[in-house]
Amino acid sequence: MDKISDVTIADCEKSTYIKPLRLTYQQNGIKKIWDAMKVHDSVVILIYNVTRHVLVFVKQFRPAVYLCSSKVSEVEGQRVIKHEENPPNLGLTYELCAGIVDKDTSLEQIAQGELLEECGYKVPLDKLERMCSCRGGVGTSGALQTMYFAEVTDAMRVSQGGGVKEEGEMIDVVDIPVSEAMDFAMDDNVNKPVGMMFAVLWFFQHKNKHYSSKI
């Protein structure tokens, strides 16, 4: 379990990853205002390990989820989250392997790099199957997320993954048996983004019958 402490909250004046913006526009002759954020597009990858018939996810602490799940207090004029009252598991999420689009390379190459960094699998580019693209956070950011599927084997795992330590990433790799994956994805007690749920449903619709026939 991650140990979270000394949590304080302040206004974000400058960020490498998000940029608050205000749009003014006319819709059917009515003047409107909308606040939004400019964020990076992203790629996500649903990983299926055919050797052990498991779906591979990542688990990590998400500060934004922790913030939205915790009680914010004020101590001496400072907004804080008291970790004694708000356990760190409130911010733990299960997700697809993912990465932001911040490099001048193809989406497949970014996905390939994330597979290696986060989960330790070395996957050839031609083994990445594009699932679809969708818009996330349509009320706030509208960023484009492109989803891929990767079939892997134990032999393709060349490291333990865990993310790039120099960038502060702390990621656990989690294997969920396919027989348990649907219940896991639909469990309200499991923090997860909607993309993970969609990917599991996609797997059962498009892939599971094929793989099950080979077991």
N, C-alpha and C. Protein backbone atom coordinates (compact mmCIF):
# COMPACT_ATOMS: atom_id res chain seq x y z
N MET A 1 0.84 -1.19 0.00
CA MET A 1 0.00 0.00 0.00
C MET A 1 0.88 1.25 0.00
N ASP A 2 0.58 2.20 -0.87
CA ASP A 2 1.32 3.44 -0.89
C ASP A 2 1.10 4.21 0.40
N LYS A 3 2.14 4.88 0.87
CA LYS A 3 2.04 5.73 2.05
C LYS A 3 1.96 7.18 1.59
N ILE A 4 0.82 7.79 1.80
CA ILE A 4 0.58 9.15 1.36
C ILE A 4 0.50 10.05 2.59
N SER A 5 1.20 11.18 2.56
CA SER A 5 1.16 12.09 3.69
C SER A 5 1.45 13.51 3.21
N ASP A 6 1.27 14.48 4.11
CA ASP A 6 1.59 15.89 3.85
C ASP A 6 0.92 16.41 2.58
N VAL A 7 -0.38 16.15 2.45
CA VAL A 7 -1.12 16.54 1.25
C VAL A 7 -1.66 17.96 1.42
N THR A 8 -1.24 18.88 0.56
CA THR A 8 -1.75 20.24 0.56
C THR A 8 -2.31 20.56 -0.82
N ILE A 9 -3.20 21.54 -0.87
CA ILE A 9 -3.87 21.91 -2.12
C ILE A 9 -3.67 23.39 -2.38
N ALA A 10 -3.28 23.75 -3.59
CA ALA A 10 -3.09 25.15 -3.97
C ALA A 10 -3.55 25.34 -5.39
N ASP A 11 -3.74 26.58 -5.80
CA ASP A 11 -4.11 26.87 -7.18
C ASP A 11 -2.96 26.51 -8.11
N CYS A 12 -3.30 26.01 -9.29
CA CYS A 12 -2.29 25.64 -10.29
C CYS A 12 -2.04 26.83 -11.21
N GLU A 13 -0.89 27.45 -11.07
CA GLU A 13 -0.58 28.64 -11.85
C GLU A 13 0.08 28.29 -13.18
N LYS A 14 0.83 27.20 -13.22
CA LYS A 14 1.51 26.80 -14.46
C LYS A 14 1.72 25.30 -14.44
N SER A 15 1.46 24.66 -15.58
CA SER A 15 1.60 23.20 -15.65
C SER A 15 2.10 22.78 -17.01
N THR A 16 2.89 21.70 -17.02
CA THR A 16 3.35 21.12 -18.27
C THR A 16 2.26 20.30 -18.94
N TYR A 17 1.27 19.86 -18.15
CA TYR A 17 0.31 18.88 -18.64
C TYR A 17 -1.09 19.42 -18.90
N ILE A 18 -1.49 20.47 -18.19
CA ILE A 18 -2.83 21.03 -18.40
C ILE A 18 -2.76 22.54 -18.52
N LYS A 19 -3.68 23.09 -19.30
CA LYS A 19 -3.75 24.53 -19.47
C LYS A 19 -5.21 24.97 -19.43
N PRO A 20 -5.63 25.64 -18.34
CA PRO A 20 -7.02 26.11 -18.27
C PRO A 20 -7.27 27.20 -19.31
N LEU A 21 -8.43 27.14 -19.95
CA LEU A 21 -8.80 28.11 -20.97
C LEU A 21 -10.27 28.50 -20.80
N ARG A 22 -10.63 29.68 -21.29
CA ARG A 22 -12.04 30.10 -21.28
C ARG A 22 -12.45 30.42 -22.70
N LEU A 23 -13.49 29.77 -23.18
CA LEU A 23 -14.02 30.00 -24.52
C LEU A 23 -15.26 30.88 -24.42
N THR A 24 -15.33 31.86 -25.30
CA THR A 24 -16.58 32.62 -25.48
C THR A 24 -17.03 32.39 -26.91
N TYR A 25 -18.33 32.18 -27.09
CA TYR A 25 -18.83 31.86 -28.43
C TYR A 25 -20.32 32.15 -28.51
N GLN A 26 -20.82 32.13 -29.72
CA GLN A 26 -22.25 32.31 -29.95
C GLN A 26 -22.84 30.98 -30.42
N GLN A 27 -23.94 30.58 -29.81
CA GLN A 27 -24.65 29.37 -30.24
C GLN A 27 -26.10 29.74 -30.50
N ASN A 28 -26.48 29.65 -31.77
CA ASN A 28 -27.84 30.05 -32.18
C ASN A 28 -28.17 31.46 -31.71
N GLY A 29 -27.17 32.35 -31.83
CA GLY A 29 -27.38 33.74 -31.48
C GLY A 29 -27.29 34.06 -30.00
N ILE A 30 -27.02 33.04 -29.16
CA ILE A 30 -26.91 33.24 -27.72
C ILE A 30 -25.44 33.21 -27.33
N LYS A 31 -24.99 34.25 -26.63
CA LYS A 31 -23.60 34.32 -26.20
C LYS A 31 -23.39 33.37 -25.03
N LYS A 32 -22.31 32.59 -25.11
CA LYS A 32 -22.01 31.61 -24.06
C LYS A 32 -20.55 31.68 -23.65
N ILE A 33 -20.29 31.16 -22.46
CA ILE A 33 -18.93 31.04 -21.92
C ILE A 33 -18.75 29.61 -21.43
N TRP A 34 -17.58 29.04 -21.74
CA TRP A 34 -17.29 27.68 -21.27
C TRP A 34 -15.82 27.59 -20.86
N ASP A 35 -15.58 27.06 -19.66
CA ASP A 35 -14.21 26.86 -19.19
C ASP A 35 -13.77 25.44 -19.53
N ALA A 36 -12.55 25.32 -20.03
CA ALA A 36 -12.04 24.02 -20.47
C ALA A 36 -10.54 23.94 -20.17
N MET A 37 -9.99 22.75 -20.43
CA MET A 37 -8.56 22.54 -20.26
C MET A 37 -7.97 21.96 -21.54
N LYS A 38 -6.82 22.44 -21.92
CA LYS A 38 -6.07 21.85 -23.01
C LYS A 38 -5.12 20.81 -22.41
N VAL A 39 -5.29 19.56 -22.80
CA VAL A 39 -4.44 18.49 -22.28
C VAL A 39 -3.93 17.65 -23.46
N HIS A 40 -2.96 16.80 -23.17
CA HIS A 40 -2.40 15.94 -24.20
C HIS A 40 -3.40 14.86 -24.61
N ASP A 41 -3.37 14.48 -25.88
CA ASP A 41 -4.04 13.26 -26.30
C ASP A 41 -3.30 12.07 -25.69
N SER A 42 -3.86 10.87 -25.82
CA SER A 42 -3.25 9.72 -25.16
C SER A 42 -3.48 8.44 -25.94
N VAL A 43 -2.73 7.43 -25.56
CA VAL A 43 -2.94 6.07 -26.07
C VAL A 43 -3.13 5.15 -24.86
N VAL A 44 -3.94 4.12 -25.01
CA VAL A 44 -4.10 3.09 -23.99
C VAL A 44 -4.04 1.72 -24.67
N ILE A 45 -3.60 0.73 -23.91
CA ILE A 45 -3.43 -0.60 -24.49
C ILE A 45 -4.03 -1.66 -23.57
N LEU A 46 -4.96 -2.44 -24.09
CA LEU A 46 -5.46 -3.61 -23.38
C LEU A 46 -4.52 -4.77 -23.70
N ILE A 47 -3.97 -5.37 -22.66
CA ILE A 47 -2.97 -6.43 -22.83
C ILE A 47 -3.59 -7.78 -22.45
N TYR A 48 -3.46 -8.74 -23.35
CA TYR A 48 -3.91 -10.10 -23.05
C TYR A 48 -2.70 -11.02 -23.10
N ASN A 49 -2.41 -11.69 -21.98
CA ASN A 49 -1.32 -12.65 -21.91
C ASN A 49 -1.88 -14.03 -22.22
N VAL A 50 -1.57 -14.52 -23.41
CA VAL A 50 -2.12 -15.79 -23.88
C VAL A 50 -1.51 -16.98 -23.14
N THR A 51 -0.32 -16.79 -22.57
CA THR A 51 0.33 -17.88 -21.85
C THR A 51 -0.48 -18.29 -20.62
N ARG A 52 -0.99 -17.26 -19.90
CA ARG A 52 -1.70 -17.53 -18.64
C ARG A 52 -3.16 -17.15 -18.69
N HIS A 53 -3.66 -16.73 -19.84
CA HIS A 53 -5.07 -16.38 -20.02
C HIS A 53 -5.49 -15.33 -18.98
N VAL A 54 -4.72 -14.22 -18.96
CA VAL A 54 -5.02 -13.12 -18.04
C VAL A 54 -5.01 -11.80 -18.83
N LEU A 55 -5.77 -10.85 -18.34
CA LEU A 55 -5.68 -9.48 -18.82
C LEU A 55 -4.76 -8.72 -17.89
N VAL A 56 -3.93 -7.88 -18.47
CA VAL A 56 -2.89 -7.20 -17.71
C VAL A 56 -3.27 -5.72 -17.57
N PHE A 57 -3.35 -5.26 -16.31
CA PHE A 57 -3.67 -3.87 -16.02
C PHE A 57 -2.55 -3.25 -15.19
N VAL A 58 -2.64 -1.97 -14.97
CA VAL A 58 -1.70 -1.29 -14.09
C VAL A 58 -2.48 -0.68 -12.93
N LYS A 59 -1.83 -0.63 -11.79
CA LYS A 59 -2.42 0.00 -10.60
C LYS A 59 -1.49 1.11 -10.14
N GLN A 60 -2.06 2.27 -9.88
CA GLN A 60 -1.24 3.38 -9.42
C GLN A 60 -2.08 4.38 -8.62
N PHE A 61 -1.38 5.22 -7.86
CA PHE A 61 -2.05 6.25 -7.08
C PHE A 61 -2.30 7.46 -7.98
N ARG A 62 -3.56 7.89 -8.03
CA ARG A 62 -3.95 9.04 -8.85
C ARG A 62 -4.36 10.19 -7.93
N PRO A 63 -3.55 11.23 -7.83
CA PRO A 63 -3.87 12.34 -6.94
C PRO A 63 -5.24 12.96 -7.20
N ALA A 64 -5.65 13.05 -8.47
CA ALA A 64 -6.95 13.66 -8.78
C ALA A 64 -8.10 12.82 -8.22
N VAL A 65 -7.96 11.51 -8.29
CA VAL A 65 -8.99 10.62 -7.74
C VAL A 65 -8.99 10.73 -6.22
N TYR A 66 -7.80 10.80 -5.63
CA TYR A 66 -7.69 10.96 -4.18
C TYR A 66 -8.34 12.26 -3.73
N LEU A 67 -8.11 13.34 -4.46
CA LEU A 67 -8.71 14.63 -4.14
C LEU A 67 -10.23 14.55 -4.17
N CYS A 68 -10.76 13.96 -5.23
CA CYS A 68 -12.22 13.90 -5.39
C CYS A 68 -12.88 12.91 -4.43
N SER A 69 -12.10 12.02 -3.85
CA SER A 69 -12.65 11.00 -2.95
C SER A 69 -12.44 11.34 -1.48
N SER A 70 -11.70 12.42 -1.21
CA SER A 70 -11.32 12.74 0.16
C SER A 70 -12.03 13.98 0.68
N LYS A 71 -12.02 14.13 1.99
CA LYS A 71 -12.54 15.33 2.63
C LYS A 71 -11.41 16.35 2.73
N VAL A 72 -11.64 17.54 2.20
CA VAL A 72 -10.63 18.60 2.25
C VAL A 72 -10.88 19.45 3.50
N SER A 73 -9.83 19.66 4.28
CA SER A 73 -9.92 20.46 5.49
C SER A 73 -9.08 21.73 5.32
N GLU A 74 -9.28 22.68 6.22
CA GLU A 74 -8.48 23.89 6.21
C GLU A 74 -7.76 23.99 7.55
N VAL A 75 -6.43 24.10 7.48
CA VAL A 75 -5.60 24.19 8.66
C VAL A 75 -4.69 25.41 8.53
N GLU A 76 -4.90 26.38 9.38
CA GLU A 76 -4.10 27.61 9.37
C GLU A 76 -4.09 28.25 7.99
N GLY A 77 -5.27 28.32 7.38
CA GLY A 77 -5.40 28.97 6.09
C GLY A 77 -4.95 28.15 4.90
N GLN A 78 -4.53 26.92 5.11
CA GLN A 78 -4.05 26.03 4.05
C GLN A 78 -5.03 24.88 3.84
N ARG A 79 -5.42 24.64 2.59
CA ARG A 79 -6.27 23.50 2.30
C ARG A 79 -5.44 22.22 2.32
N VAL A 80 -5.89 21.25 3.07
CA VAL A 80 -5.14 20.01 3.23
C VAL A 80 -6.08 18.82 3.17
N ILE A 81 -5.51 17.67 2.91
CA ILE A 81 -6.21 16.40 3.05
C ILE A 81 -5.50 15.61 4.13
N LYS A 82 -6.19 15.35 5.22
CA LYS A 82 -5.58 14.64 6.33
C LYS A 82 -5.52 13.15 6.01
N HIS A 83 -4.28 12.66 5.84
CA HIS A 83 -4.14 11.26 5.42
C HIS A 83 -4.62 10.29 6.49
N GLU A 84 -4.65 10.76 7.75
CA GLU A 84 -5.14 9.87 8.81
C GLU A 84 -6.62 9.57 8.63
N GLU A 85 -7.36 10.52 8.05
CA GLU A 85 -8.81 10.36 7.86
C GLU A 85 -9.15 9.89 6.44
N ASN A 86 -8.22 9.98 5.52
CA ASN A 86 -8.45 9.63 4.11
C ASN A 86 -7.37 8.66 3.65
N PRO A 87 -7.63 7.35 3.74
CA PRO A 87 -6.61 6.35 3.40
C PRO A 87 -6.19 6.44 1.94
N PRO A 88 -4.95 6.08 1.64
CA PRO A 88 -4.44 6.21 0.27
C PRO A 88 -5.16 5.36 -0.76
N ASN A 89 -5.83 4.29 -0.32
CA ASN A 89 -6.53 3.45 -1.29
C ASN A 89 -7.67 4.19 -1.98
N LEU A 90 -8.09 5.33 -1.42
CA LEU A 90 -9.10 6.15 -2.08
C LEU A 90 -8.61 6.64 -3.44
N GLY A 91 -7.30 6.75 -3.60
CA GLY A 91 -6.74 7.25 -4.85
C GLY A 91 -6.10 6.19 -5.72
N LEU A 92 -6.19 4.91 -5.32
CA LEU A 92 -5.62 3.83 -6.12
C LEU A 92 -6.58 3.45 -7.24
N THR A 93 -6.08 3.40 -8.46
CA THR A 93 -6.92 3.04 -9.60
C THR A 93 -6.31 1.88 -10.38
N TYR A 94 -7.19 1.14 -11.03
CA TYR A 94 -6.78 0.08 -11.96
C TYR A 94 -7.09 0.57 -13.36
N GLU A 95 -6.10 0.52 -14.22
CA GLU A 95 -6.22 1.14 -15.54
C GLU A 95 -5.58 0.27 -16.61
N LEU A 96 -5.80 0.67 -17.85
CA LEU A 96 -5.05 0.11 -18.96
C LEU A 96 -3.66 0.74 -18.97
N CYS A 97 -2.70 0.02 -19.48
CA CYS A 97 -1.39 0.60 -19.76
C CYS A 97 -1.62 1.81 -20.67
N ALA A 98 -0.97 2.93 -20.38
CA ALA A 98 -1.31 4.15 -21.11
C ALA A 98 -0.15 5.13 -21.12
N GLY A 99 -0.26 6.12 -22.00
CA GLY A 99 0.73 7.18 -22.06
C GLY A 99 0.19 8.37 -22.84
N ILE A 100 0.73 9.55 -22.54
CA ILE A 100 0.30 10.74 -23.26
C ILE A 100 1.05 10.87 -24.58
N VAL A 101 0.44 11.55 -25.52
CA VAL A 101 1.05 11.77 -26.83
C VAL A 101 1.84 13.07 -26.75
N ASP A 102 3.12 12.95 -26.42
CA ASP A 102 3.98 14.12 -26.28
C ASP A 102 5.30 13.95 -27.01
N LYS A 103 5.35 12.98 -27.93
CA LYS A 103 6.56 12.73 -28.70
C LYS A 103 6.25 12.81 -30.18
N ASP A 104 7.24 13.15 -30.97
CA ASP A 104 7.08 13.26 -32.42
C ASP A 104 7.30 11.90 -33.07
N THR A 105 6.47 10.94 -32.67
CA THR A 105 6.53 9.59 -33.23
C THR A 105 5.10 9.13 -33.47
N SER A 106 4.95 7.96 -34.06
CA SER A 106 3.61 7.43 -34.31
C SER A 106 2.94 7.01 -33.01
N LEU A 107 1.63 6.92 -33.05
CA LEU A 107 0.89 6.47 -31.87
C LEU A 107 1.29 5.04 -31.49
N GLU A 108 1.53 4.22 -32.50
CA GLU A 108 1.93 2.84 -32.24
C GLU A 108 3.28 2.79 -31.51
N GLN A 109 4.19 3.66 -31.88
CA GLN A 109 5.50 3.69 -31.21
C GLN A 109 5.37 4.16 -29.77
N ILE A 110 4.47 5.12 -29.53
CA ILE A 110 4.24 5.56 -28.15
C ILE A 110 3.65 4.42 -27.34
N ALA A 111 2.67 3.71 -27.91
CA ALA A 111 2.06 2.57 -27.23
C ALA A 111 3.10 1.49 -26.96
N GLN A 112 3.95 1.23 -27.92
CA GLN A 112 5.00 0.22 -27.75
C GLN A 112 5.92 0.58 -26.59
N GLY A 113 6.29 1.85 -26.51
CA GLY A 113 7.16 2.30 -25.43
C GLY A 113 6.51 2.17 -24.06
N GLU A 114 5.22 2.48 -23.99
CA GLU A 114 4.51 2.38 -22.71
C GLU A 114 4.38 0.92 -22.27
N LEU A 115 4.15 0.03 -23.20
CA LEU A 115 4.07 -1.40 -22.87
C LEU A 115 5.35 -1.87 -22.19
N LEU A 116 6.48 -1.41 -22.69
CA LEU A 116 7.77 -1.80 -22.13
C LEU A 116 8.02 -1.12 -20.78
N GLU A 117 7.77 0.19 -20.73
CA GLU A 117 8.06 0.94 -19.51
C GLU A 117 7.15 0.54 -18.35
N GLU A 118 5.86 0.45 -18.62
CA GLU A 118 4.91 0.21 -17.53
C GLU A 118 4.76 -1.26 -17.18
N CYS A 119 4.75 -2.13 -18.19
CA CYS A 119 4.42 -3.54 -17.93
C CYS A 119 5.54 -4.51 -18.26
N GLY A 120 6.61 -4.03 -18.89
CA GLY A 120 7.77 -4.88 -19.15
C GLY A 120 7.69 -5.76 -20.36
N TYR A 121 6.67 -5.57 -21.21
CA TYR A 121 6.52 -6.40 -22.40
C TYR A 121 7.12 -5.72 -23.63
N LYS A 122 7.93 -6.46 -24.37
CA LYS A 122 8.50 -5.97 -25.62
C LYS A 122 7.64 -6.49 -26.77
N VAL A 123 6.85 -5.59 -27.35
CA VAL A 123 5.84 -5.99 -28.33
C VAL A 123 6.17 -5.36 -29.69
N PRO A 124 6.29 -6.18 -30.75
CA PRO A 124 6.53 -5.62 -32.09
C PRO A 124 5.38 -4.72 -32.51
N LEU A 125 5.70 -3.72 -33.31
CA LEU A 125 4.68 -2.76 -33.74
C LEU A 125 3.54 -3.45 -34.49
N ASP A 126 3.87 -4.47 -35.28
CA ASP A 126 2.83 -5.11 -36.07
C ASP A 126 1.92 -6.02 -35.24
N LYS A 127 2.21 -6.14 -33.94
CA LYS A 127 1.35 -6.91 -33.05
C LYS A 127 0.37 -6.02 -32.27
N LEU A 128 0.40 -4.72 -32.55
CA LEU A 128 -0.53 -3.80 -31.92
C LEU A 128 -1.75 -3.66 -32.82
N GLU A 129 -2.90 -4.01 -32.30
CA GLU A 129 -4.15 -3.93 -33.04
C GLU A 129 -4.95 -2.71 -32.57
N ARG A 130 -5.26 -1.82 -33.49
CA ARG A 130 -6.01 -0.63 -33.13
C ARG A 130 -7.47 -1.00 -32.88
N MET A 131 -7.99 -0.62 -31.72
CA MET A 131 -9.38 -0.88 -31.37
C MET A 131 -10.29 0.25 -31.86
N CYS A 132 -10.03 1.48 -31.40
CA CYS A 132 -10.84 2.62 -31.78
C CYS A 132 -10.24 3.87 -31.14
N SER A 133 -10.82 5.01 -31.45
CA SER A 133 -10.47 6.27 -30.78
C SER A 133 -11.74 6.87 -30.20
N CYS A 134 -11.60 7.60 -29.11
CA CYS A 134 -12.75 8.24 -28.48
C CYS A 134 -12.30 9.51 -27.78
N ARG A 135 -13.27 10.33 -27.43
CA ARG A 135 -13.00 11.58 -26.73
C ARG A 135 -13.24 11.40 -25.24
N GLY A 136 -12.30 11.88 -24.44
CA GLY A 136 -12.45 11.81 -23.00
C GLY A 136 -12.70 13.18 -22.41
N GLY A 137 -13.31 13.21 -21.23
CA GLY A 137 -13.55 14.47 -20.54
C GLY A 137 -14.23 15.49 -21.42
N VAL A 138 -15.32 15.11 -22.07
CA VAL A 138 -15.92 15.99 -23.09
C VAL A 138 -16.45 17.29 -22.49
N GLY A 139 -16.66 17.34 -21.20
CA GLY A 139 -17.10 18.58 -20.58
C GLY A 139 -15.96 19.47 -20.15
N THR A 140 -14.73 18.93 -20.15
CA THR A 140 -13.60 19.71 -19.66
C THR A 140 -12.42 19.78 -20.61
N SER A 141 -12.10 18.67 -21.29
CA SER A 141 -10.90 18.67 -22.13
C SER A 141 -11.15 18.20 -23.56
N GLY A 142 -11.94 17.16 -23.73
CA GLY A 142 -12.22 16.66 -25.07
C GLY A 142 -11.02 16.04 -25.77
N ALA A 143 -10.03 15.60 -25.01
CA ALA A 143 -8.83 15.03 -25.61
C ALA A 143 -9.13 13.71 -26.30
N LEU A 144 -8.33 13.41 -27.31
CA LEU A 144 -8.52 12.18 -28.09
C LEU A 144 -7.69 11.05 -27.50
N GLN A 145 -8.34 9.92 -27.27
CA GLN A 145 -7.65 8.73 -26.77
C GLN A 145 -7.78 7.61 -27.80
N THR A 146 -6.64 7.04 -28.18
CA THR A 146 -6.62 5.95 -29.14
C THR A 146 -6.30 4.65 -28.40
N MET A 147 -7.13 3.64 -28.64
CA MET A 147 -7.04 2.39 -27.89
C MET A 147 -6.48 1.27 -28.76
N TYR A 148 -5.59 0.48 -28.15
CA TYR A 148 -4.98 -0.64 -28.85
C TYR A 148 -5.15 -1.94 -28.05
N PHE A 149 -5.00 -3.05 -28.76
CA PHE A 149 -5.01 -4.37 -28.14
C PHE A 149 -3.69 -5.05 -28.46
N ALA A 150 -3.10 -5.68 -27.45
CA ALA A 150 -1.83 -6.38 -27.66
C ALA A 150 -1.90 -7.77 -27.05
N GLU A 151 -1.63 -8.77 -27.87
CA GLU A 151 -1.51 -10.14 -27.38
C GLU A 151 -0.05 -10.39 -27.05
N VAL A 152 0.20 -10.84 -25.82
CA VAL A 152 1.58 -11.07 -25.40
C VAL A 152 1.72 -12.48 -24.82
N THR A 153 2.96 -12.88 -24.62
CA THR A 153 3.28 -14.14 -23.96
C THR A 153 4.26 -13.85 -22.83
N ASP A 154 4.43 -14.82 -21.95
CA ASP A 154 5.41 -14.66 -20.88
C ASP A 154 6.81 -14.44 -21.44
N ALA A 155 7.10 -15.05 -22.58
CA ALA A 155 8.43 -14.92 -23.18
C ALA A 155 8.71 -13.50 -23.65
N MET A 156 7.67 -12.71 -23.87
CA MET A 156 7.84 -11.33 -24.34
C MET A 156 8.08 -10.35 -23.20
N ARG A 157 7.99 -10.83 -21.96
CA ARG A 157 8.21 -9.94 -20.83
C ARG A 157 9.71 -9.90 -20.50
N VAL A 158 10.31 -8.74 -20.72
CA VAL A 158 11.75 -8.61 -20.57
C VAL A 158 12.15 -7.83 -19.31
N SER A 159 11.16 -7.28 -18.60
CA SER A 159 11.44 -6.58 -17.35
C SER A 159 10.18 -6.59 -16.49
N GLN A 160 10.31 -6.09 -15.27
CA GLN A 160 9.17 -6.04 -14.36
C GLN A 160 8.28 -4.83 -14.63
N GLY A 161 8.71 -3.91 -15.48
CA GLY A 161 7.92 -2.71 -15.74
C GLY A 161 7.93 -1.80 -14.53
N GLY A 162 6.80 -1.16 -14.27
CA GLY A 162 6.72 -0.27 -13.12
C GLY A 162 6.84 1.20 -13.44
N GLY A 163 7.07 1.52 -14.73
CA GLY A 163 7.17 2.92 -15.12
C GLY A 163 8.60 3.44 -15.05
N VAL A 164 8.75 4.71 -15.38
CA VAL A 164 10.07 5.35 -15.39
C VAL A 164 10.29 5.98 -14.02
N LYS A 165 11.18 5.39 -13.25
CA LYS A 165 11.41 5.87 -11.88
C LYS A 165 11.92 7.30 -11.87
N GLU A 166 12.73 7.66 -12.88
CA GLU A 166 13.27 9.02 -12.93
C GLU A 166 12.18 10.07 -13.11
N GLU A 167 11.04 9.66 -13.63
CA GLU A 167 9.91 10.57 -13.82
C GLU A 167 8.90 10.47 -12.68
N GLY A 168 9.28 9.73 -11.64
CA GLY A 168 8.43 9.62 -10.47
C GLY A 168 7.30 8.61 -10.59
N GLU A 169 7.32 7.78 -11.64
CA GLU A 169 6.24 6.81 -11.81
C GLU A 169 6.39 5.65 -10.82
N MET A 170 5.28 5.28 -10.20
CA MET A 170 5.23 4.14 -9.29
C MET A 170 4.02 3.30 -9.69
N ILE A 171 4.26 2.28 -10.50
CA ILE A 171 3.18 1.52 -11.12
C ILE A 171 3.32 0.04 -10.79
N ASP A 172 2.22 -0.57 -10.37
CA ASP A 172 2.18 -2.01 -10.16
C ASP A 172 1.48 -2.67 -11.34
N VAL A 173 2.00 -3.79 -11.77
CA VAL A 173 1.38 -4.56 -12.85
C VAL A 173 0.47 -5.60 -12.23
N VAL A 174 -0.76 -5.66 -12.69
CA VAL A 174 -1.77 -6.55 -12.09
C VAL A 174 -2.35 -7.47 -13.16
N ASP A 175 -2.30 -8.77 -12.91
CA ASP A 175 -2.89 -9.76 -13.81
C ASP A 175 -4.25 -10.19 -13.27
N ILE A 176 -5.27 -10.11 -14.11
CA ILE A 176 -6.61 -10.54 -13.73
C ILE A 176 -7.02 -11.69 -14.65
N PRO A 177 -7.31 -12.86 -14.12
CA PRO A 177 -7.76 -13.96 -14.97
C PRO A 177 -8.98 -13.56 -15.79
N VAL A 178 -9.02 -13.98 -17.03
CA VAL A 178 -10.14 -13.62 -17.89
C VAL A 178 -11.47 -14.05 -17.28
N SER A 179 -11.47 -15.17 -16.58
CA SER A 179 -12.70 -15.66 -15.95
C SER A 179 -13.24 -14.70 -14.89
N GLU A 180 -12.39 -13.81 -14.38
CA GLU A 180 -12.79 -12.86 -13.34
C GLU A 180 -12.87 -11.43 -13.86
N ALA A 181 -12.48 -11.22 -15.11
CA ALA A 181 -12.30 -9.86 -15.61
C ALA A 181 -13.59 -9.05 -15.68
N MET A 182 -14.69 -9.67 -16.08
CA MET A 182 -15.94 -8.93 -16.20
C MET A 182 -16.42 -8.47 -14.83
N ASP A 183 -16.40 -9.36 -13.85
CA ASP A 183 -16.81 -8.97 -12.49
C ASP A 183 -15.89 -7.88 -11.96
N PHE A 184 -14.61 -8.00 -12.23
CA PHE A 184 -13.63 -7.00 -11.78
C PHE A 184 -13.93 -5.63 -12.38
N ALA A 185 -14.17 -5.60 -13.67
CA ALA A 185 -14.42 -4.33 -14.35
C ALA A 185 -15.70 -3.66 -13.89
N MET A 186 -16.69 -4.45 -13.48
CA MET A 186 -17.98 -3.91 -13.08
C MET A 186 -18.12 -3.70 -11.58
N ASP A 187 -17.07 -3.98 -10.84
CA ASP A 187 -17.10 -3.85 -9.39
C ASP A 187 -17.04 -2.38 -8.99
N ASP A 188 -18.07 -1.87 -8.35
CA ASP A 188 -18.10 -0.46 -7.94
C ASP A 188 -17.04 -0.14 -6.90
N ASN A 189 -16.49 -1.13 -6.25
CA ASN A 189 -15.47 -0.89 -5.23
C ASN A 189 -14.08 -0.74 -5.84
N VAL A 190 -13.97 -0.93 -7.14
CA VAL A 190 -12.68 -0.80 -7.84
C VAL A 190 -12.66 0.53 -8.58
N ASN A 191 -11.73 1.40 -8.23
CA ASN A 191 -11.57 2.65 -8.97
C ASN A 191 -10.98 2.36 -10.34
N LYS A 192 -11.64 2.83 -11.39
CA LYS A 192 -11.12 2.61 -12.72
C LYS A 192 -11.76 3.63 -13.67
N PRO A 193 -11.07 3.98 -14.76
CA PRO A 193 -11.66 4.85 -15.78
C PRO A 193 -12.60 4.05 -16.68
N VAL A 194 -13.51 4.77 -17.32
CA VAL A 194 -14.50 4.11 -18.16
C VAL A 194 -13.84 3.38 -19.33
N GLY A 195 -12.68 3.87 -19.78
CA GLY A 195 -11.98 3.21 -20.89
C GLY A 195 -11.58 1.78 -20.56
N MET A 196 -11.25 1.52 -19.30
CA MET A 196 -10.89 0.17 -18.90
C MET A 196 -12.10 -0.75 -19.00
N MET A 197 -13.25 -0.25 -18.55
CA MET A 197 -14.47 -1.03 -18.63
C MET A 197 -14.83 -1.33 -20.08
N PHE A 198 -14.72 -0.30 -20.94
CA PHE A 198 -15.02 -0.50 -22.36
C PHE A 198 -14.11 -1.55 -22.97
N ALA A 199 -12.81 -1.48 -22.64
CA ALA A 199 -11.85 -2.40 -23.23
C ALA A 199 -12.15 -3.85 -22.84
N VAL A 200 -12.56 -4.07 -21.60
CA VAL A 200 -12.91 -5.43 -21.16
C VAL A 200 -14.13 -5.92 -21.93
N LEU A 201 -15.13 -5.07 -22.07
CA LEU A 201 -16.31 -5.44 -22.85
C LEU A 201 -15.94 -5.75 -24.30
N TRP A 202 -15.06 -4.92 -24.88
CA TRP A 202 -14.58 -5.14 -26.25
C TRP A 202 -13.90 -6.50 -26.36
N PHE A 203 -13.09 -6.85 -25.37
CA PHE A 203 -12.38 -8.12 -25.39
C PHE A 203 -13.36 -9.28 -25.42
N PHE A 204 -14.38 -9.23 -24.57
CA PHE A 204 -15.33 -10.33 -24.52
C PHE A 204 -16.18 -10.40 -25.79
N GLN A 205 -16.39 -9.27 -26.43
CA GLN A 205 -17.18 -9.28 -27.67
C GLN A 205 -16.37 -9.73 -28.87
N HIS A 206 -15.09 -9.37 -28.93
CA HIS A 206 -14.31 -9.58 -30.14
C HIS A 206 -13.23 -10.66 -30.04
N LYS A 207 -12.80 -11.01 -28.82
CA LYS A 207 -11.63 -11.88 -28.70
C LYS A 207 -11.84 -13.14 -27.87
N ASN A 208 -12.63 -13.07 -26.83
CA ASN A 208 -12.63 -14.15 -25.85
C ASN A 208 -13.06 -15.50 -26.41
N LYS A 209 -14.06 -15.52 -27.29
CA LYS A 209 -14.51 -16.80 -27.86
C LYS A 209 -13.38 -17.47 -28.63
N HIS A 210 -12.62 -16.67 -29.36
CA HIS A 210 -11.49 -17.21 -30.13
C HIS A 210 -10.45 -17.85 -29.22
N TYR A 211 -10.09 -17.14 -28.15
CA TYR A 211 -9.07 -17.65 -27.24
C TYR A 211 -9.59 -18.83 -26.40
N SER A 212 -10.84 -18.75 -25.99
CA SER A 212 -11.41 -19.81 -25.16
C SER A 212 -11.44 -21.14 -25.88
N SER A 213 -11.62 -21.10 -27.20
CA SER A 213 -11.66 -22.33 -27.98
C SER A 213 -10.31 -23.03 -28.05
N LYS A 214 -9.25 -22.30 -27.69
CA LYS A 214 -7.90 -22.87 -27.77
C LYS A 214 -7.39 -23.36 -26.42
N ILE A 215 -8.17 -23.10 -25.36
CA ILE A 215 -7.71 -23.51 -24.04
C ILE A 215 -7.96 -25.01 -23.82
